[in-house]
């Protein structure tokens, strides 16, 4: 089932057309927001095996993202138990400690890990975690005028795309960022 929304094709890096932070990338169809910039929240699921990707996303985007919401479940998307490791990585001396003031960790308890082992259960378990990310962002102070990015840890959104979301009026429909290589 297709998701209703606008698809924004990738914004490739162009050295001769790099915008500076605070310089709105808005043009034509997407004018600058009257209340620009809005706060951008960045959410991802953390499976425990993807610490390198989480670190890369934080490193690349922390200067343009208001807060990160990272959901870490007590089991894998295949329903296998796992220990939570993200809080330790955010503590003093941890690999991600420099980002701890920008990161909200939501410890997600999977209601029925056996569901994840069924044919479509993995997708249902992922959807539950993404819904938990939205709730965690709202609980952490996200406002209706803010923007929430729901991404996988290995899908690092460019700072140009984040600036676009912060400064440009995209309407009220969901925005789908198309991945580019």
Protein backbone atom coordinates (compact mmCIF):
# COMPACT_ATOMS: atom_id res chain seq x y z
CA UNK A 1 0.00 0.00 0.00
CA UNK A 2 1.58 3.31 -1.01
CA UNK A 3 1.99 6.01 1.61
CA UNK A 4 0.13 9.23 0.86
CA UNK A 5 2.56 12.09 0.70
CA UNK A 6 5.07 13.97 -1.36
CA UNK A 7 8.22 12.30 -2.56
CA UNK A 8 11.23 14.58 -2.56
CA UNK A 9 13.90 13.25 -4.84
CA UNK A 10 17.40 13.12 -3.39
CA UNK A 11 19.33 16.32 -3.06
CA UNK A 12 22.80 15.32 -4.27
CA UNK A 13 25.88 17.08 -2.97
CA UNK A 14 26.94 19.82 -5.36
CA UNK A 15 30.16 21.53 -4.25
CA UNK A 16 29.40 24.68 -6.24
CA UNK A 17 25.94 25.01 -4.70
CA UNK A 18 26.48 24.17 -1.04
CA UNK A 19 24.23 26.15 1.29
CA UNK A 20 25.42 27.46 4.61
CA UNK A 21 23.52 26.54 7.78
CA UNK A 22 20.77 29.07 8.21
CA UNK A 23 20.55 29.81 4.49
CA UNK A 24 17.13 28.45 3.47
CA UNK A 25 17.22 26.01 0.54
CA UNK A 26 13.63 26.88 -0.38
CA UNK A 27 12.61 27.52 -3.97
CA UNK A 28 9.49 27.71 -6.13
CA UNK A 29 7.11 24.95 -5.09
CA UNK A 30 8.37 25.02 -1.51
CA UNK A 31 8.56 28.61 -0.22
CA UNK A 32 10.25 29.51 3.04
CA UNK A 33 8.13 28.91 6.13
CA UNK A 34 6.92 32.06 7.87
CA UNK A 35 8.03 30.65 11.23
CA UNK A 36 11.30 29.16 9.94
CA UNK A 37 13.25 27.38 11.10
CA UNK A 38 11.19 24.69 12.76
CA UNK A 39 12.87 22.15 15.02
CA UNK A 40 13.81 18.86 13.41
CA UNK A 41 13.77 15.67 15.50
CA UNK A 42 15.51 12.58 14.13
CA UNK A 43 14.33 9.13 15.15
CA UNK A 44 15.84 5.73 14.52
CA UNK A 45 15.57 2.18 15.81
CA UNK A 46 18.64 0.68 17.46
CA UNK A 47 19.11 -3.06 17.13
CA UNK A 48 22.46 -3.32 18.88
CA UNK A 49 24.40 -4.37 15.78
CA UNK A 50 24.21 -0.92 14.19
CA UNK A 51 26.20 1.24 16.62
CA UNK A 52 28.53 2.40 13.83
CA UNK A 53 25.56 3.65 11.79
CA UNK A 54 24.02 5.43 14.78
CA UNK A 55 27.36 7.09 15.51
CA UNK A 56 27.67 8.18 11.86
CA UNK A 57 24.15 9.66 11.85
CA UNK A 58 24.83 11.56 15.08
CA UNK A 59 28.20 12.81 13.84
CA UNK A 60 26.87 13.96 10.46
CA UNK A 61 23.66 15.63 11.64
CA UNK A 62 23.93 16.64 15.32
CA UNK A 63 24.62 20.27 14.40
CA UNK A 64 21.32 20.59 12.49
CA UNK A 65 19.04 18.28 14.50
CA UNK A 66 17.28 19.50 17.65
CA UNK A 67 17.00 16.08 19.36
CA UNK A 68 17.46 12.44 18.44
CA UNK A 69 14.95 9.84 19.59
CA UNK A 70 16.45 6.37 19.54
CA UNK A 71 14.27 3.37 20.31
CA UNK A 72 15.99 0.29 21.70
CA UNK A 73 13.84 -2.79 22.22
CA UNK A 74 14.43 -5.68 24.58
CA UNK A 75 14.40 -8.10 21.63
CA UNK A 76 15.39 -8.18 17.99
CA UNK A 77 12.90 -7.79 15.14
CA UNK A 78 13.07 -11.59 14.95
CA UNK A 79 11.87 -11.83 18.57
CA UNK A 80 15.18 -12.96 20.08
CA UNK A 81 16.01 -11.45 23.50
CA UNK A 82 18.82 -8.90 23.60
CA UNK A 83 20.39 -6.73 26.23
CA UNK A 84 20.11 -2.98 26.01
CA UNK A 85 23.45 -1.34 25.33
CA UNK A 86 22.71 2.23 24.22
CA UNK A 87 22.47 3.83 27.70
CA UNK A 88 26.03 2.67 28.51
CA UNK A 89 27.32 4.11 25.23
CA UNK A 90 25.86 7.53 26.18
CA UNK A 91 27.41 7.59 29.66
CA UNK A 92 30.65 9.44 30.42
CA UNK A 93 33.45 7.64 28.60
CA UNK A 94 30.99 5.85 26.29
CA UNK A 95 31.39 5.94 22.56
CA UNK A 96 28.40 8.31 22.12
CA UNK A 97 28.84 10.35 25.30
CA UNK A 98 29.43 13.61 23.40
CA UNK A 99 25.83 13.39 22.10
CA UNK A 100 24.05 12.44 25.33
CA UNK A 101 22.40 15.88 25.76
CA UNK A 102 20.82 15.58 22.31
CA UNK A 103 19.65 11.96 22.56
CA UNK A 104 16.41 10.65 24.04
CA UNK A 105 16.60 6.88 24.51
CA UNK A 106 13.30 5.05 24.65
CA UNK A 107 13.60 1.56 26.14
CA UNK A 108 10.87 -0.38 24.34
CA UNK A 109 9.42 -3.54 25.89
CA UNK A 110 8.08 -5.72 23.11
CA UNK A 111 4.60 -6.81 24.24
CA UNK A 112 4.81 -10.19 22.51
CA UNK A 113 8.27 -11.15 21.18
CA UNK A 114 6.80 -14.32 19.65
CA UNK A 115 4.77 -12.13 17.28
CA UNK A 116 8.05 -11.00 15.71
CA UNK A 117 8.76 -14.59 14.65
CA UNK A 118 5.64 -14.94 12.50
CA UNK A 119 5.56 -14.30 8.74
CA UNK A 120 4.52 -10.62 8.95
CA UNK A 121 5.39 -10.20 12.61
CA UNK A 122 8.78 -8.58 12.07
CA UNK A 123 7.10 -5.71 10.22
CA UNK A 124 4.50 -5.38 12.98
CA UNK A 125 7.21 -5.30 15.64
CA UNK A 126 9.05 -2.61 13.68
CA UNK A 127 5.85 -0.56 13.35
CA UNK A 128 5.27 -0.77 17.12
CA UNK A 129 8.77 0.58 17.71
CA UNK A 130 8.30 3.43 15.21
CA UNK A 131 5.02 4.35 16.93
CA UNK A 132 6.90 4.33 20.24
CA UNK A 133 9.42 6.76 18.71
CA UNK A 134 6.65 9.25 17.93
CA UNK A 135 5.28 8.95 21.46
CA UNK A 136 8.76 9.35 22.96
CA UNK A 137 9.40 12.48 20.87
CA UNK A 138 6.13 14.04 22.01
CA UNK A 139 6.89 13.10 25.62
CA UNK A 140 10.32 14.77 25.24
CA UNK A 141 8.74 18.03 24.07
CA UNK A 142 8.22 17.79 20.33
CA UNK A 143 5.56 20.28 19.21
CA UNK A 144 3.07 20.02 16.35
CA UNK A 145 5.03 22.61 14.34
CA UNK A 146 8.23 20.52 14.61
CA UNK A 147 9.33 17.89 12.07
CA UNK A 148 10.09 14.27 12.97
CA UNK A 149 12.27 12.13 10.72
CA UNK A 150 11.66 8.38 11.06
CA UNK A 151 14.65 6.58 9.58
CA UNK A 152 16.69 3.43 9.92
CA UNK A 153 20.14 3.84 11.45
CA UNK A 154 21.81 3.17 8.10
CA UNK A 155 19.73 5.84 6.32
CA UNK A 156 21.62 9.02 7.18
CA UNK A 157 19.63 12.04 6.07
CA UNK A 158 21.78 14.79 4.57
CA UNK A 159 22.13 18.10 6.36
CA UNK A 160 20.82 19.78 3.20
CA UNK A 161 17.60 17.74 3.42
CA UNK A 162 17.31 18.54 7.14
CA UNK A 163 17.72 22.26 6.41
CA UNK A 164 15.05 21.90 3.73
CA UNK A 165 12.67 20.36 6.29
CA UNK A 166 13.49 23.07 8.83
CA UNK A 167 13.12 26.09 6.58
CA UNK A 168 10.73 25.22 3.75
CA UNK A 169 6.94 24.99 3.72
CA UNK A 170 6.17 21.44 2.62
CA UNK A 171 2.47 21.52 3.45
CA UNK A 172 0.76 19.22 5.93
CA UNK A 173 1.18 15.85 4.22
CA UNK A 174 3.85 13.30 5.11
CA UNK A 175 7.18 13.87 3.39
CA UNK A 176 9.00 10.89 1.94
CA UNK A 177 12.71 11.41 1.34
CA UNK A 178 13.94 9.29 -1.55
CA UNK A 179 17.33 7.71 -0.91
CA UNK A 180 20.11 8.37 -3.40
CA UNK A 181 23.55 6.90 -3.80
